[in-house]
C-alpha cells in the first residue's frame, strides 16, 4: 500500500451460514458497495479442537449442530469451495483474504495463492503459526485484540523475517464492542511505534462513525463485519453492517481526506452565489466630493453584476471621494483619491 491509500475489508467471516451460494452473493454485493477486499475464515475443526471441545454439547440458539464440533464443521468450506470464492473475488474486482486458524489451514491457503492473509487476535503471539504464515510470502494483516506490545512486536518481527508487508490492526476483542471501549487513541500509538507498518482498524462496533474517526487517528485499513441480515442466526450478525450501512461506512471514510483539501485561492470569492447575490459598495447617503469614506457613509447593495464587492470595503475606509456621489450609487476604485 502507498502511505495514504485507503483499503476497506468486508469481513464475511462465517456469516454465510455455511452456504456457498450465499457466500458468493456476499462477494457480489459488498464488492459493489466499495469493499476492496472480501474476507473469509478457514479452520480444520478436528485439528483445532480437542476431542472434549469438539464433542461438547452445544445448545446455543445460534447452533448449527448438536455439539460444538458439528456446529463448527457446518460453517466451514472445502479447499475447492474456497477456490471458487477466490475466483469470484477476482471476477468482481476485489482481493480475496482469508484467516487460517491452524497449520492445515495455512497449508490450504498457501496452495490457493490467496491475495492476503489475516491473522486473528487469537493468534497474536502464536509465533509458530505466524512463522508458517510468513513463509507464504503474501501481505499479512494482524489484529491485536487483547495483546501486549511485546506480543505485537515479536509477531511483527517474525513476519518481517520473511520480508512480507505487515499491516497491524487495532482491535478490541468484544462482540459487539461498546463505544466507550473502542480505544481509537491507540492508533496514534501504533503509528508512532510501528513506522514501517501500515496501521488500521479491525472493528466490532455496530455503527459507522468509528471509520472516519479512525482515519483521523492514522488508520488506513478498515475491516468491518458484514451481513445480509442482522437478525439471522449467528453471533456476528447483530453488530455487522448490512449493505446500506457498509456503503455509508466506505463513503464516509473516503470523504475524510477530501475534507482537508483547500479550495484554490483564485476561486475564493468567485463562487456563483456571489455573482448572483454578492453586495457591491455603495454610498449610504449623498456624499460630497472630498469627503472621507467611513463605516457610517457606505453600505452594500446587490446589482445585476457585482461592481466592487463589499468585502473589499477595508480598502476604501479612510479614502477621499474625488466626485459627488448620490445615495445608493456604486463606488469604484476610480472614485477614490
C-alpha atoms as a PDB file:
ATOM      1  CA  UNK A   1       0.000   0.000   0.000  1.00  0.00           C
ATOM      2  CA  UNK A   2       1.045   3.580  -0.631  1.00  0.00           C
ATOM      3  CA  UNK A   3       1.258   5.678   2.518  1.00  0.00           C
ATOM      4  CA  UNK A   4      -2.153   7.375   2.313  1.00  0.00           C
ATOM      5  CA  UNK A   5      -4.093   4.745   0.378  1.00  0.00           C
ATOM      6  CA  UNK A   6      -7.321   3.519   1.955  1.00  0.00           C
ATOM      7  CA  UNK A   7      -8.143  -0.201   1.991  1.00  0.00           C
ATOM      8  CA  UNK A   8     -11.596  -1.421   3.039  1.00  0.00           C
ATOM      9  CA  UNK A   9     -12.114  -5.055   4.054  1.00  0.00           C
ATOM     10  CA  UNK A  10     -15.586  -6.585   4.193  1.00  0.00           C
ATOM     11  CA  UNK A  11     -15.310  -9.358   6.788  1.00  0.00           C
ATOM     12  CA  UNK A  12     -17.836 -12.065   5.918  1.00  0.00           C
ATOM     13  CA  UNK A  13     -16.276 -14.435   8.440  1.00  0.00           C
ATOM     14  CA  UNK A  14     -18.840 -17.170   8.752  1.00  0.00           C
ATOM     15  CA  UNK A  15     -21.929 -15.026   8.280  1.00  0.00           C
ATOM     16  CA  UNK A  16     -22.505 -17.056   5.112  1.00  0.00           C
ATOM     17  CA  UNK A  17     -24.101 -19.744   7.349  1.00  0.00           C
ATOM     18  CA  UNK A  18     -22.027 -22.417   5.593  1.00  0.00           C
ATOM     19  CA  UNK A  19     -23.903 -21.798   2.320  1.00  0.00           C
ATOM     20  CA  UNK A  20     -21.556 -21.418  -0.668  1.00  0.00           C
ATOM     21  CA  UNK A  21     -24.151 -19.627  -2.803  1.00  0.00           C
ATOM     22  CA  UNK A  22     -24.764 -17.130  -0.022  1.00  0.00           C
ATOM     23  CA  UNK A  23     -21.015 -16.588   0.355  1.00  0.00           C
ATOM     24  CA  UNK A  24     -20.801 -15.844  -3.356  1.00  0.00           C
ATOM     25  CA  UNK A  25     -23.646 -13.365  -3.004  1.00  0.00           C
ATOM     26  CA  UNK A  26     -21.708 -11.568  -0.248  1.00  0.00           C
ATOM     27  CA  UNK A  27     -18.851 -11.081  -2.705  1.00  0.00           C
ATOM     28  CA  UNK A  28     -21.163  -9.717  -5.386  1.00  0.00           C
ATOM     29  CA  UNK A  29     -22.995  -7.348  -3.026  1.00  0.00           C
ATOM     30  CA  UNK A  30     -20.160  -5.913  -0.948  1.00  0.00           C
ATOM     31  CA  UNK A  31     -17.723  -5.556  -3.843  1.00  0.00           C
ATOM     32  CA  UNK A  32     -20.362  -3.313  -5.425  1.00  0.00           C
ATOM     33  CA  UNK A  33     -20.633  -1.245  -2.231  1.00  0.00           C
ATOM     34  CA  UNK A  34     -16.976  -0.241  -2.060  1.00  0.00           C
ATOM     35  CA  UNK A  35     -15.062  -3.117  -0.487  1.00  0.00           C
ATOM     36  CA  UNK A  36     -11.515  -3.571  -1.761  1.00  0.00           C
ATOM     37  CA  UNK A  37     -11.133  -6.962  -0.086  1.00  0.00           C
ATOM     38  CA  UNK A  38     -13.616  -9.688   0.888  1.00  0.00           C
ATOM     39  CA  UNK A  39     -12.511 -11.791   3.843  1.00  0.00           C
ATOM     40  CA  UNK A  40     -13.406 -15.327   4.904  1.00  0.00           C
ATOM     41  CA  UNK A  41     -12.107 -17.770   7.538  1.00  0.00           C
ATOM     42  CA  UNK A  42     -10.766 -21.316   7.419  1.00  0.00           C
ATOM     43  CA  UNK A  43     -10.397 -23.965  10.137  1.00  0.00           C
ATOM     44  CA  UNK A  44      -9.563 -27.641  10.298  1.00  0.00           C
ATOM     45  CA  UNK A  45     -12.028 -28.271  13.099  1.00  0.00           C
ATOM     46  CA  UNK A  46     -10.769 -31.675  14.267  1.00  0.00           C
ATOM     47  CA  UNK A  47      -7.179 -30.437  14.235  1.00  0.00           C
ATOM     48  CA  UNK A  48      -8.015 -27.176  16.013  1.00  0.00           C
ATOM     49  CA  UNK A  49     -10.257 -28.521  18.782  1.00  0.00           C
ATOM     50  CA  UNK A  50      -9.570 -31.249  21.305  1.00  0.00           C
ATOM     51  CA  UNK A  51     -11.981 -34.193  21.351  1.00  0.00           C
ATOM     52  CA  UNK A  52     -13.572 -32.827  24.528  1.00  0.00           C
ATOM     53  CA  UNK A  53     -14.123 -29.427  22.938  1.00  0.00           C
ATOM     54  CA  UNK A  54     -15.374 -30.999  19.706  1.00  0.00           C
ATOM     55  CA  UNK A  55     -17.870 -33.297  21.451  1.00  0.00           C
ATOM     56  CA  UNK A  56     -19.143 -30.685  23.911  1.00  0.00           C
ATOM     57  CA  UNK A  57     -22.955 -30.352  23.658  1.00  0.00           C
ATOM     58  CA  UNK A  58     -23.916 -27.049  22.055  1.00  0.00           C
ATOM     59  CA  UNK A  59     -27.403 -25.783  22.790  1.00  0.00           C
ATOM     60  CA  UNK A  60     -26.841 -22.123  21.971  1.00  0.00           C
ATOM     61  CA  UNK A  61     -29.648 -20.525  19.965  1.00  0.00           C
ATOM     62  CA  UNK A  62     -27.079 -19.864  17.223  1.00  0.00           C
ATOM     63  CA  UNK A  63     -26.074 -23.531  16.965  1.00  0.00           C
ATOM     64  CA  UNK A  64     -25.808 -25.288  13.596  1.00  0.00           C
ATOM     65  CA  UNK A  65     -25.249 -28.680  15.255  1.00  0.00           C
ATOM     66  CA  UNK A  66     -25.795 -30.622  18.498  1.00  0.00           C
ATOM     67  CA  UNK A  67     -22.129 -30.466  19.510  1.00  0.00           C
ATOM     68  CA  UNK A  68     -19.701 -27.596  19.194  1.00  0.00           C
ATOM     69  CA  UNK A  69     -17.600 -29.536  16.703  1.00  0.00           C
ATOM     70  CA  UNK A  70     -20.543 -30.357  14.454  1.00  0.00           C
ATOM     71  CA  UNK A  71     -21.667 -26.730  14.701  1.00  0.00           C
ATOM     72  CA  UNK A  72     -18.243 -25.512  13.578  1.00  0.00           C
ATOM     73  CA  UNK A  73     -17.984 -28.092  10.780  1.00  0.00           C
ATOM     74  CA  UNK A  74     -21.282 -26.834   9.325  1.00  0.00           C
ATOM     75  CA  UNK A  75     -19.742 -23.411   8.793  1.00  0.00           C
ATOM     76  CA  UNK A  76     -16.551 -24.480   7.020  1.00  0.00           C
ATOM     77  CA  UNK A  77     -15.770 -24.554   3.307  1.00  0.00           C
ATOM     78  CA  UNK A  78     -13.630 -27.117   1.494  1.00  0.00           C
ATOM     79  CA  UNK A  79     -10.493 -26.057  -0.405  1.00  0.00           C
ATOM     80  CA  UNK A  80     -12.430 -26.338  -3.681  1.00  0.00           C
ATOM     81  CA  UNK A  81     -15.163 -24.059  -2.338  1.00  0.00           C
ATOM     82  CA  UNK A  82     -12.574 -21.537  -1.137  1.00  0.00           C
ATOM     83  CA  UNK A  83     -11.080 -21.586  -4.625  1.00  0.00           C
ATOM     84  CA  UNK A  84     -14.490 -20.697  -6.054  1.00  0.00           C
ATOM     85  CA  UNK A  85     -14.747 -17.770  -3.618  1.00  0.00           C
ATOM     86  CA  UNK A  86     -11.246 -16.598  -4.527  1.00  0.00           C
ATOM     87  CA  UNK A  87     -12.104 -16.664  -8.231  1.00  0.00           C
ATOM     88  CA  UNK A  88     -15.389 -14.843  -7.588  1.00  0.00           C
ATOM     89  CA  UNK A  89     -13.494 -12.091  -5.751  1.00  0.00           C
ATOM     90  CA  UNK A  90     -11.187 -11.604  -8.733  1.00  0.00           C
ATOM     91  CA  UNK A  91     -14.152 -11.647 -11.122  1.00  0.00           C
ATOM     92  CA  UNK A  92     -15.746  -8.798  -9.152  1.00  0.00           C
ATOM     93  CA  UNK A  93     -12.526  -6.800  -8.971  1.00  0.00           C
ATOM     94  CA  UNK A  94     -11.666  -7.294  -5.304  1.00  0.00           C
ATOM     95  CA  UNK A  95      -8.949  -9.153  -3.418  1.00  0.00           C
ATOM     96  CA  UNK A  96      -9.509 -12.428  -1.584  1.00  0.00           C
ATOM     97  CA  UNK A  97      -8.429 -12.593   2.068  1.00  0.00           C
ATOM     98  CA  UNK A  98      -8.739 -15.467   4.487  1.00  0.00           C
ATOM     99  CA  UNK A  99      -7.872 -16.121   8.128  1.00  0.00           C
ATOM    100  CA  UNK A 100      -6.312 -19.524   8.859  1.00  0.00           C
ATOM    101  CA  UNK A 101      -6.767 -20.673  12.458  1.00  0.00           C
ATOM    102  CA  UNK A 102      -4.406 -23.654  12.332  1.00  0.00           C
ATOM    103  CA  UNK A 103      -1.466 -25.151  10.450  1.00  0.00           C
ATOM    104  CA  UNK A 104      -3.509 -27.294   7.991  1.00  0.00           C
ATOM    105  CA  UNK A 105      -5.487 -24.193   7.044  1.00  0.00           C
ATOM    106  CA  UNK A 106      -2.253 -22.279   6.428  1.00  0.00           C
ATOM    107  CA  UNK A 107      -1.220 -25.019   4.011  1.00  0.00           C
ATOM    108  CA  UNK A 108      -4.551 -24.806   2.181  1.00  0.00           C
ATOM    109  CA  UNK A 109      -4.221 -21.035   1.760  1.00  0.00           C
ATOM    110  CA  UNK A 110      -0.673 -21.411   0.538  1.00  0.00           C
ATOM    111  CA  UNK A 111      -1.864 -23.747  -2.205  1.00  0.00           C
ATOM    112  CA  UNK A 112      -4.742 -21.401  -3.087  1.00  0.00           C
ATOM    113  CA  UNK A 113      -2.447 -18.452  -3.886  1.00  0.00           C
ATOM    114  CA  UNK A 114      -4.540 -16.072  -1.795  1.00  0.00           C
ATOM    115  CA  UNK A 115      -4.040 -12.316  -2.153  1.00  0.00           C
ATOM    116  CA  UNK A 116      -3.851 -11.525   1.563  1.00  0.00           C
ATOM    117  CA  UNK A 117      -3.778 -13.439   4.845  1.00  0.00           C
ATOM    118  CA  UNK A 118      -5.293 -12.170   8.059  1.00  0.00           C
ATOM    119  CA  UNK A 119      -4.083 -13.304  11.488  1.00  0.00           C
ATOM    120  CA  UNK A 120      -6.815 -13.197  14.110  1.00  0.00           C
ATOM    121  CA  UNK A 121      -6.285 -11.680  17.541  1.00  0.00           C
ATOM    122  CA  UNK A 122      -6.493 -15.223  18.930  1.00  0.00           C
ATOM    123  CA  UNK A 123      -3.140 -15.937  17.277  1.00  0.00           C
ATOM    124  CA  UNK A 124      -1.276 -12.748  18.131  1.00  0.00           C
ATOM    125  CA  UNK A 125       1.983 -14.022  19.623  1.00  0.00           C
ATOM    126  CA  UNK A 126       1.442 -17.527  18.215  1.00  0.00           C
ATOM    127  CA  UNK A 127       4.888 -17.405  16.650  1.00  0.00           C
ATOM    128  CA  UNK A 128       4.967 -20.950  15.183  1.00  0.00           C
ATOM    129  CA  UNK A 129       1.732 -20.295  13.270  1.00  0.00           C
ATOM    130  CA  UNK A 130       2.776 -16.755  12.343  1.00  0.00           C
ATOM    131  CA  UNK A 131       6.118 -18.058  11.045  1.00  0.00           C
ATOM    132  CA  UNK A 132       4.317 -20.540   8.785  1.00  0.00           C
ATOM    133  CA  UNK A 133       2.060 -17.764   7.503  1.00  0.00           C
ATOM    134  CA  UNK A 134       5.068 -15.551   6.771  1.00  0.00           C
ATOM    135  CA  UNK A 135       6.581 -18.266   4.590  1.00  0.00           C
ATOM    136  CA  UNK A 136       3.696 -17.939   2.113  1.00  0.00           C
ATOM    137  CA  UNK A 137       5.082 -14.547   1.116  1.00  0.00           C
ATOM    138  CA  UNK A 138       1.856 -12.557   0.687  1.00  0.00           C
ATOM    139  CA  UNK A 139       0.939  -9.372   2.597  1.00  0.00           C
ATOM    140  CA  UNK A 140      -0.241 -10.143   6.127  1.00  0.00           C
ATOM    141  CA  UNK A 141      -2.736  -8.276   8.296  1.00  0.00           C
ATOM    142  CA  UNK A 142      -2.738  -8.956  12.040  1.00  0.00           C
ATOM    143  CA  UNK A 143      -5.310  -7.958  14.648  1.00  0.00           C
ATOM    144  CA  UNK A 144      -4.014  -7.197  18.133  1.00  0.00           C
ATOM    145  CA  UNK A 145      -7.104  -7.514  20.323  1.00  0.00           C
ATOM    146  CA  UNK A 146      -6.172  -8.404  23.905  1.00  0.00           C
ATOM    147  CA  UNK A 147      -2.453  -8.240  23.150  1.00  0.00           C
ATOM    148  CA  UNK A 148       0.500  -6.651  24.894  1.00  0.00           C
ATOM    149  CA  UNK A 149       3.091  -4.659  22.982  1.00  0.00           C
ATOM    150  CA  UNK A 150       5.845  -7.281  23.323  1.00  0.00           C
ATOM    151  CA  UNK A 151       3.490  -9.801  21.681  1.00  0.00           C
ATOM    152  CA  UNK A 152       2.754  -7.357  18.871  1.00  0.00           C
ATOM    153  CA  UNK A 153       6.447  -6.634  18.393  1.00  0.00           C
ATOM    154  CA  UNK A 154       7.506 -10.285  18.300  1.00  0.00           C
ATOM    155  CA  UNK A 155       4.695 -11.157  15.881  1.00  0.00           C
ATOM    156  CA  UNK A 156       5.624  -8.331  13.516  1.00  0.00           C
ATOM    157  CA  UNK A 157       9.317  -9.211  13.723  1.00  0.00           C
ATOM    158  CA  UNK A 158       8.610 -12.858  12.869  1.00  0.00           C
ATOM    159  CA  UNK A 159       6.710 -11.755   9.767  1.00  0.00           C
ATOM    160  CA  UNK A 160       9.418  -9.235   8.853  1.00  0.00           C
ATOM    161  CA  UNK A 161      11.955 -12.055   8.719  1.00  0.00           C
ATOM    162  CA  UNK A 162      10.082 -13.259   5.632  1.00  0.00           C
ATOM    163  CA  UNK A 163      10.122  -9.780   4.026  1.00  0.00           C
ATOM    164  CA  UNK A 164       6.337  -9.547   3.812  1.00  0.00           C
ATOM    165  CA  UNK A 165       4.287  -6.375   4.070  1.00  0.00           C
ATOM    166  CA  UNK A 166       2.662  -6.160   7.503  1.00  0.00           C
ATOM    167  CA  UNK A 167      -0.475  -4.269   8.485  1.00  0.00           C
ATOM    168  CA  UNK A 168      -1.288  -4.024  12.198  1.00  0.00           C
ATOM    169  CA  UNK A 169      -4.957  -3.603  13.055  1.00  0.00           C
ATOM    170  CA  UNK A 170      -6.062  -2.064  16.330  1.00  0.00           C
ATOM    171  CA  UNK A 171      -8.827  -4.295  17.640  1.00  0.00           C
ATOM    172  CA  UNK A 172     -10.921  -4.719  20.764  1.00  0.00           C
ATOM    173  CA  UNK A 173     -11.995  -8.334  21.232  1.00  0.00           C
ATOM    174  CA  UNK A 174     -15.580  -7.653  22.257  1.00  0.00           C
ATOM    175  CA  UNK A 175     -18.506  -8.719  20.082  1.00  0.00           C
ATOM    176  CA  UNK A 176     -20.001  -6.135  19.799  1.00  0.00           C
ATOM    177  CA  UNK A 177     -17.568  -3.525  21.102  1.00  0.00           C
ATOM    178  CA  UNK A 178     -19.189  -0.786  23.166  1.00  0.00           C
ATOM    179  CA  UNK A 179     -18.495   2.748  22.006  1.00  0.00           C
ATOM    180  CA  UNK A 180     -16.583   3.656  25.180  1.00  0.00           C
ATOM    181  CA  UNK A 181     -14.282   0.638  24.733  1.00  0.00           C
ATOM    182  CA  UNK A 182     -13.150   1.369  21.162  1.00  0.00           C
ATOM    183  CA  UNK A 183      -9.868   2.921  22.310  1.00  0.00           C
ATOM    184  CA  UNK A 184      -9.177   4.603  18.983  1.00  0.00           C
ATOM    185  CA  UNK A 185      -6.449   6.761  20.538  1.00  0.00           C
ATOM    186  CA  UNK A 186      -4.254   3.638  20.412  1.00  0.00           C
ATOM    187  CA  UNK A 187      -3.998   4.090  16.655  1.00  0.00           C
ATOM    188  CA  UNK A 188      -1.639   7.052  17.066  1.00  0.00           C
ATOM    189  CA  UNK A 189       0.483   4.984  19.452  1.00  0.00           C
ATOM    190  CA  UNK A 190       0.780   2.223  16.838  1.00  0.00           C
ATOM    191  CA  UNK A 191       1.622   4.724  14.093  1.00  0.00           C
ATOM    192  CA  UNK A 192       4.444   6.072  16.247  1.00  0.00           C
ATOM    193  CA  UNK A 193       5.792   2.714  17.447  1.00  0.00           C
ATOM    194  CA  UNK A 194       5.494   0.834  14.144  1.00  0.00           C
ATOM    195  CA  UNK A 195       6.516   3.324  11.448  1.00  0.00           C
ATOM    196  CA  UNK A 196       7.303   0.553   8.960  1.00  0.00           C
ATOM    197  CA  UNK A 197       3.820  -0.970   9.219  1.00  0.00           C
ATOM    198  CA  UNK A 198       0.521   0.198   7.820  1.00  0.00           C
ATOM    199  CA  UNK A 199      -1.892   0.763  10.694  1.00  0.00           C
ATOM    200  CA  UNK A 200      -5.601   0.047  10.567  1.00  0.00           C
ATOM    201  CA  UNK A 201      -8.754  -0.819  12.478  1.00  0.00           C
ATOM    202  CA  UNK A 202     -10.480  -4.161  12.865  1.00  0.00           C
ATOM    203  CA  UNK A 203     -13.844  -3.012  14.058  1.00  0.00           C
ATOM    204  CA  UNK A 204     -16.572  -4.796  16.048  1.00  0.00           C
ATOM    205  CA  UNK A 205     -18.523  -1.595  16.714  1.00  0.00           C
ATOM    206  CA  UNK A 206     -22.108  -1.717  15.445  1.00  0.00           C
ATOM    207  CA  UNK A 207     -22.027   1.722  13.799  1.00  0.00           C
ATOM    208  CA  UNK A 208     -20.151   3.601  11.087  1.00  0.00           C
ATOM    209  CA  UNK A 209     -18.605   6.583  12.911  1.00  0.00           C
ATOM    210  CA  UNK A 210     -15.571   4.584  14.037  1.00  0.00           C
ATOM    211  CA  UNK A 211     -14.235   4.526  10.472  1.00  0.00           C
ATOM    212  CA  UNK A 212     -13.870   8.291   9.867  1.00  0.00           C
ATOM    213  CA  UNK A 213     -12.574   8.855  13.419  1.00  0.00           C
ATOM    214  CA  UNK A 214     -10.015   6.072  12.989  1.00  0.00           C
ATOM    215  CA  UNK A 215      -8.804   7.688   9.758  1.00  0.00           C
ATOM    216  CA  UNK A 216      -8.123  10.915  11.657  1.00  0.00           C
ATOM    217  CA  UNK A 217      -6.094   8.905  14.185  1.00  0.00           C
ATOM    218  CA  UNK A 218      -3.899   7.378  11.475  1.00  0.00           C
ATOM    219  CA  UNK A 219      -5.748   4.247  10.293  1.00  0.00           C
ATOM    220  CA  UNK A 220      -5.619   3.496   6.577  1.00  0.00           C
ATOM    221  CA  UNK A 221      -7.030  -0.049   6.582  1.00  0.00           C
ATOM    222  CA  UNK A 222     -10.561  -0.693   7.818  1.00  0.00           C
ATOM    223  CA  UNK A 223     -12.025  -4.141   8.452  1.00  0.00           C
ATOM    224  CA  UNK A 224     -15.759  -4.294   9.108  1.00  0.00           C
ATOM    225  CA  UNK A 225     -18.013  -7.308   9.644  1.00  0.00           C
ATOM    226  CA  UNK A 226     -20.844  -7.501   7.125  1.00  0.00           C
ATOM    227  CA  UNK A 227     -24.148  -9.320   6.951  1.00  0.00           C
ATOM    228  CA  UNK A 228     -27.140  -9.612   4.692  1.00  0.00           C
ATOM    229  CA  UNK A 229     -29.482  -9.519   7.660  1.00  0.00           C
ATOM    230  CA  UNK A 230     -28.713  -8.539  11.252  1.00  0.00           C
ATOM    231  CA  UNK A 231     -31.473 -10.795  12.550  1.00  0.00           C
ATOM    232  CA  UNK A 232     -30.005 -14.033  11.146  1.00  0.00           C
ATOM    233  CA  UNK A 233     -28.746 -16.838  13.376  1.00  0.00           C
ATOM    234  CA  UNK A 234     -25.097 -16.411  14.316  1.00  0.00           C
ATOM    235  CA  UNK A 235     -23.050 -14.467  16.850  1.00  0.00           C
ATOM    236  CA  UNK A 236     -21.637 -11.866  14.438  1.00  0.00           C
ATOM    237  CA  UNK A 237     -24.747 -10.703  12.625  1.00  0.00           C
ATOM    238  CA  UNK A 238     -26.057  -8.341  15.300  1.00  0.00           C
ATOM    239  CA  UNK A 239     -23.080  -5.955  15.133  1.00  0.00           C
ATOM    240  CA  UNK A 240     -22.218  -6.396  11.452  1.00  0.00           C
ATOM    241  CA  UNK A 241     -23.208  -3.832   8.826  1.00  0.00           C
ATOM    242  CA  UNK A 242     -25.848  -4.565   6.252  1.00  0.00           C
ATOM    243  CA  UNK A 243     -25.449  -3.409   2.673  1.00  0.00           C
ATOM    244  CA  UNK A 244     -26.509   0.214   3.119  1.00  0.00           C
ATOM    245  CA  UNK A 245     -24.602   0.617   6.374  1.00  0.00           C
ATOM    246  CA  UNK A 246     -21.424  -0.678   4.740  1.00  0.00           C
ATOM    247  CA  UNK A 247     -21.897   1.648   1.778  1.00  0.00           C
ATOM    248  CA  UNK A 248     -22.104   4.615   4.152  1.00  0.00           C
ATOM    249  CA  UNK A 249     -19.103   3.338   6.130  1.00  0.00           C
ATOM    250  CA  UNK A 250     -16.989   3.304   2.962  1.00  0.00           C
ATOM    251  CA  UNK A 251     -18.364   6.627   1.736  1.00  0.00           C
ATOM    252  CA  UNK A 252     -17.676   8.475   4.976  1.00  0.00           C
ATOM    253  CA  UNK A 253     -14.127   7.155   5.368  1.00  0.00           C
ATOM    254  CA  UNK A 254     -13.251   8.197   1.827  1.00  0.00           C
ATOM    255  CA  UNK A 255     -14.759  11.630   2.382  1.00  0.00           C
ATOM    256  CA  UNK A 256     -12.439  12.437   5.279  1.00  0.00           C
ATOM    257  CA  UNK A 257      -9.213  13.184   3.336  1.00  0.00           C
ATOM    258  CA  UNK A 258     -11.199  15.211   0.810  1.00  0.00           C
ATOM    259  CA  UNK A 259     -12.438  17.452   3.615  1.00  0.00           C
ATOM    260  CA  UNK A 260      -8.879  18.633   4.301  1.00  0.00           C
ATOM    261  CA  UNK A 261      -8.156  19.840   0.774  1.00  0.00           C
ATOM    262  CA  UNK A 262      -8.004  23.622   0.455  1.00  0.00           C
ATOM    263  CA  UNK A 263     -10.006  25.323  -2.266  1.00  0.00           C
ATOM    264  CA  UNK A 264      -7.758  27.081  -4.824  1.00  0.00           C
ATOM    265  CA  UNK A 265      -7.155  30.673  -3.714  1.00  0.00           C
ATOM    266  CA  UNK A 266      -8.076  32.066  -7.128  1.00  0.00           C
ATOM    267  CA  UNK A 267     -11.552  30.558  -6.800  1.00  0.00           C
ATOM    268  CA  UNK A 268     -12.329  32.224  -3.473  1.00  0.00           C
ATOM    269  CA  UNK A 269     -14.946  34.951  -3.865  1.00  0.00           C
ATOM    270  CA  UNK A 270     -15.699  33.914  -7.441  1.00  0.00           C
ATOM    271  CA  UNK A 271     -18.371  31.414  -6.492  1.00  0.00           C
ATOM    272  CA  UNK A 272     -21.658  31.659  -8.382  1.00  0.00           C
ATOM    273  CA  UNK A 273     -23.586  32.712  -5.285  1.00  0.00           C
ATOM    274  CA  UNK A 274     -21.524  35.921  -5.068  1.00  0.00           C
ATOM    275  CA  UNK A 275     -22.152  36.870  -8.674  1.00  0.00           C
ATOM    276  CA  UNK A 276     -25.865  36.382  -8.048  1.00  0.00           C
ATOM    277  CA  UNK A 277     -26.302  37.832  -4.545  1.00  0.00           C
ATOM    278  CA  UNK A 278     -22.982  39.461  -3.669  1.00  0.00           C
ATOM    279  CA  UNK A 279     -23.241  43.064  -2.464  1.00  0.00           C
ATOM    280  CA  UNK A 280     -21.304  45.927  -4.054  1.00  0.00           C
ATOM    281  CA  UNK A 281     -20.046  49.022  -2.199  1.00  0.00           C
ATOM    282  CA  UNK A 282     -22.480  51.960  -2.436  1.00  0.00           C
ATOM    283  CA  UNK A 283     -22.936  55.372  -0.880  1.00  0.00           C
ATOM    284  CA  UNK A 284     -25.257  55.032   2.096  1.00  0.00           C
ATOM    285  CA  UNK A 285     -26.284  58.705   1.711  1.00  0.00           C
ATOM    286  CA  UNK A 286     -25.292  61.538  -0.596  1.00  0.00           C
ATOM    287  CA  UNK A 287     -21.533  62.093  -0.303  1.00  0.00           C
ATOM    288  CA  UNK A 288     -19.834  65.316  -1.439  1.00  0.00           C
ATOM    289  CA  UNK A 289     -16.525  65.406  -3.257  1.00  0.00           C
ATOM    290  CA  UNK A 290     -13.526  65.389  -0.892  1.00  0.00           C
ATOM    291  CA  UNK A 291     -15.327  63.548   1.913  1.00  0.00           C
ATOM    292  CA  UNK A 292     -13.688  60.614   3.619  1.00  0.00           C
ATOM    293  CA  UNK A 293     -15.355  57.242   3.347  1.00  0.00           C
ATOM    294  CA  UNK A 294     -16.219  55.727   6.723  1.00  0.00           C
ATOM    295  CA  UNK A 295     -18.263  52.973   8.325  1.00  0.00           C
ATOM    296  CA  UNK A 296     -21.145  55.414   8.589  1.00  0.00           C
ATOM    297  CA  UNK A 297     -21.419  56.604   4.976  1.00  0.00           C
ATOM    298  CA  UNK A 298     -21.054  53.406   2.924  1.00  0.00           C
ATOM    299  CA  UNK A 299     -23.246  50.321   2.605  1.00  0.00           C
ATOM    300  CA  UNK A 300     -23.790  47.319   0.341  1.00  0.00           C
ATOM    301  CA  UNK A 301     -26.359  46.651  -2.388  1.00  0.00           C
ATOM    302  CA  UNK A 302     -26.996  43.811  -4.839  1.00  0.00           C
ATOM    303  CA  UNK A 303     -26.773  44.713  -8.560  1.00  0.00           C
ATOM    304  CA  UNK A 304     -27.224  42.562 -11.630  1.00  0.00           C
ATOM    305  CA  UNK A 305     -23.445  42.450 -11.824  1.00  0.00           C
ATOM    306  CA  UNK A 306     -21.016  42.912  -8.933  1.00  0.00           C
ATOM    307  CA  UNK A 307     -19.042  46.146  -9.122  1.00  0.00           C
ATOM    308  CA  UNK A 308     -16.679  46.258  -6.127  1.00  0.00           C
ATOM    309  CA  UNK A 309     -17.552  43.575  -3.541  1.00  0.00           C
ATOM    310  CA  UNK A 310     -18.499  44.914  -0.113  1.00  0.00           C
ATOM    311  CA  UNK A 311     -15.885  42.597   1.397  1.00  0.00           C
ATOM    312  CA  UNK A 312     -13.256  44.920  -0.130  1.00  0.00           C
ATOM    313  CA  UNK A 313     -14.527  47.961   1.743  1.00  0.00           C
ATOM    314  CA  UNK A 314     -11.469  47.833   4.034  1.00  0.00           C
ATOM    315  CA  UNK A 315      -9.545  49.286   1.076  1.00  0.00           C
ATOM    316  CA  UNK A 316     -11.976  52.228   0.847  1.00  0.00           C
ATOM    317  CA  UNK A 317     -12.368  53.239   4.505  1.00  0.00           C
ATOM    318  CA  UNK A 318     -10.438  56.476   5.131  1.00  0.00           C
ATOM    319  CA  UNK A 319     -10.044  57.276   1.422  1.00  0.00           C
ATOM    320  CA  UNK A 320     -11.378  60.563  -0.006  1.00  0.00           C
ATOM    321  CA  UNK A 321     -14.003  60.687  -2.738  1.00  0.00           C
ATOM    322  CA  UNK A 322     -12.990  62.592  -5.900  1.00  0.00           C
ATOM    323  CA  UNK A 323     -16.566  63.361  -7.026  1.00  0.00           C
ATOM    324  CA  UNK A 324     -20.050  63.836  -5.663  1.00  0.00           C
ATOM    325  CA  UNK A 325     -21.984  60.605  -5.084  1.00  0.00           C
ATOM    326  CA  UNK A 326     -25.711  60.101  -4.796  1.00  0.00           C
ATOM    327  CA  UNK A 327     -27.329  57.820  -2.222  1.00  0.00           C
ATOM    328  CA  UNK A 328     -27.172  54.202  -3.442  1.00  0.00           C
ATOM    329  CA  UNK A 329     -24.595  54.978  -6.141  1.00  0.00           C
ATOM    330  CA  UNK A 330     -21.874  52.305  -6.572  1.00  0.00           C
ATOM    331  CA  UNK A 331     -18.360  53.281  -5.532  1.00  0.00           C
ATOM    332  CA  UNK A 332     -15.452  52.137  -7.694  1.00  0.00           C
ATOM    333  CA  UNK A 333     -11.684  52.381  -7.317  1.00  0.00           C
ATOM    334  CA  UNK A 334     -11.727  55.273  -9.810  1.00  0.00           C
ATOM    335  CA  UNK A 335     -13.875  57.258  -7.355  1.00  0.00           C
ATOM    336  CA  UNK A 336     -11.264  57.483  -4.603  1.00  0.00           C
ATOM    337  CA  UNK A 337      -8.100  59.574  -4.360  1.00  0.00           C
END
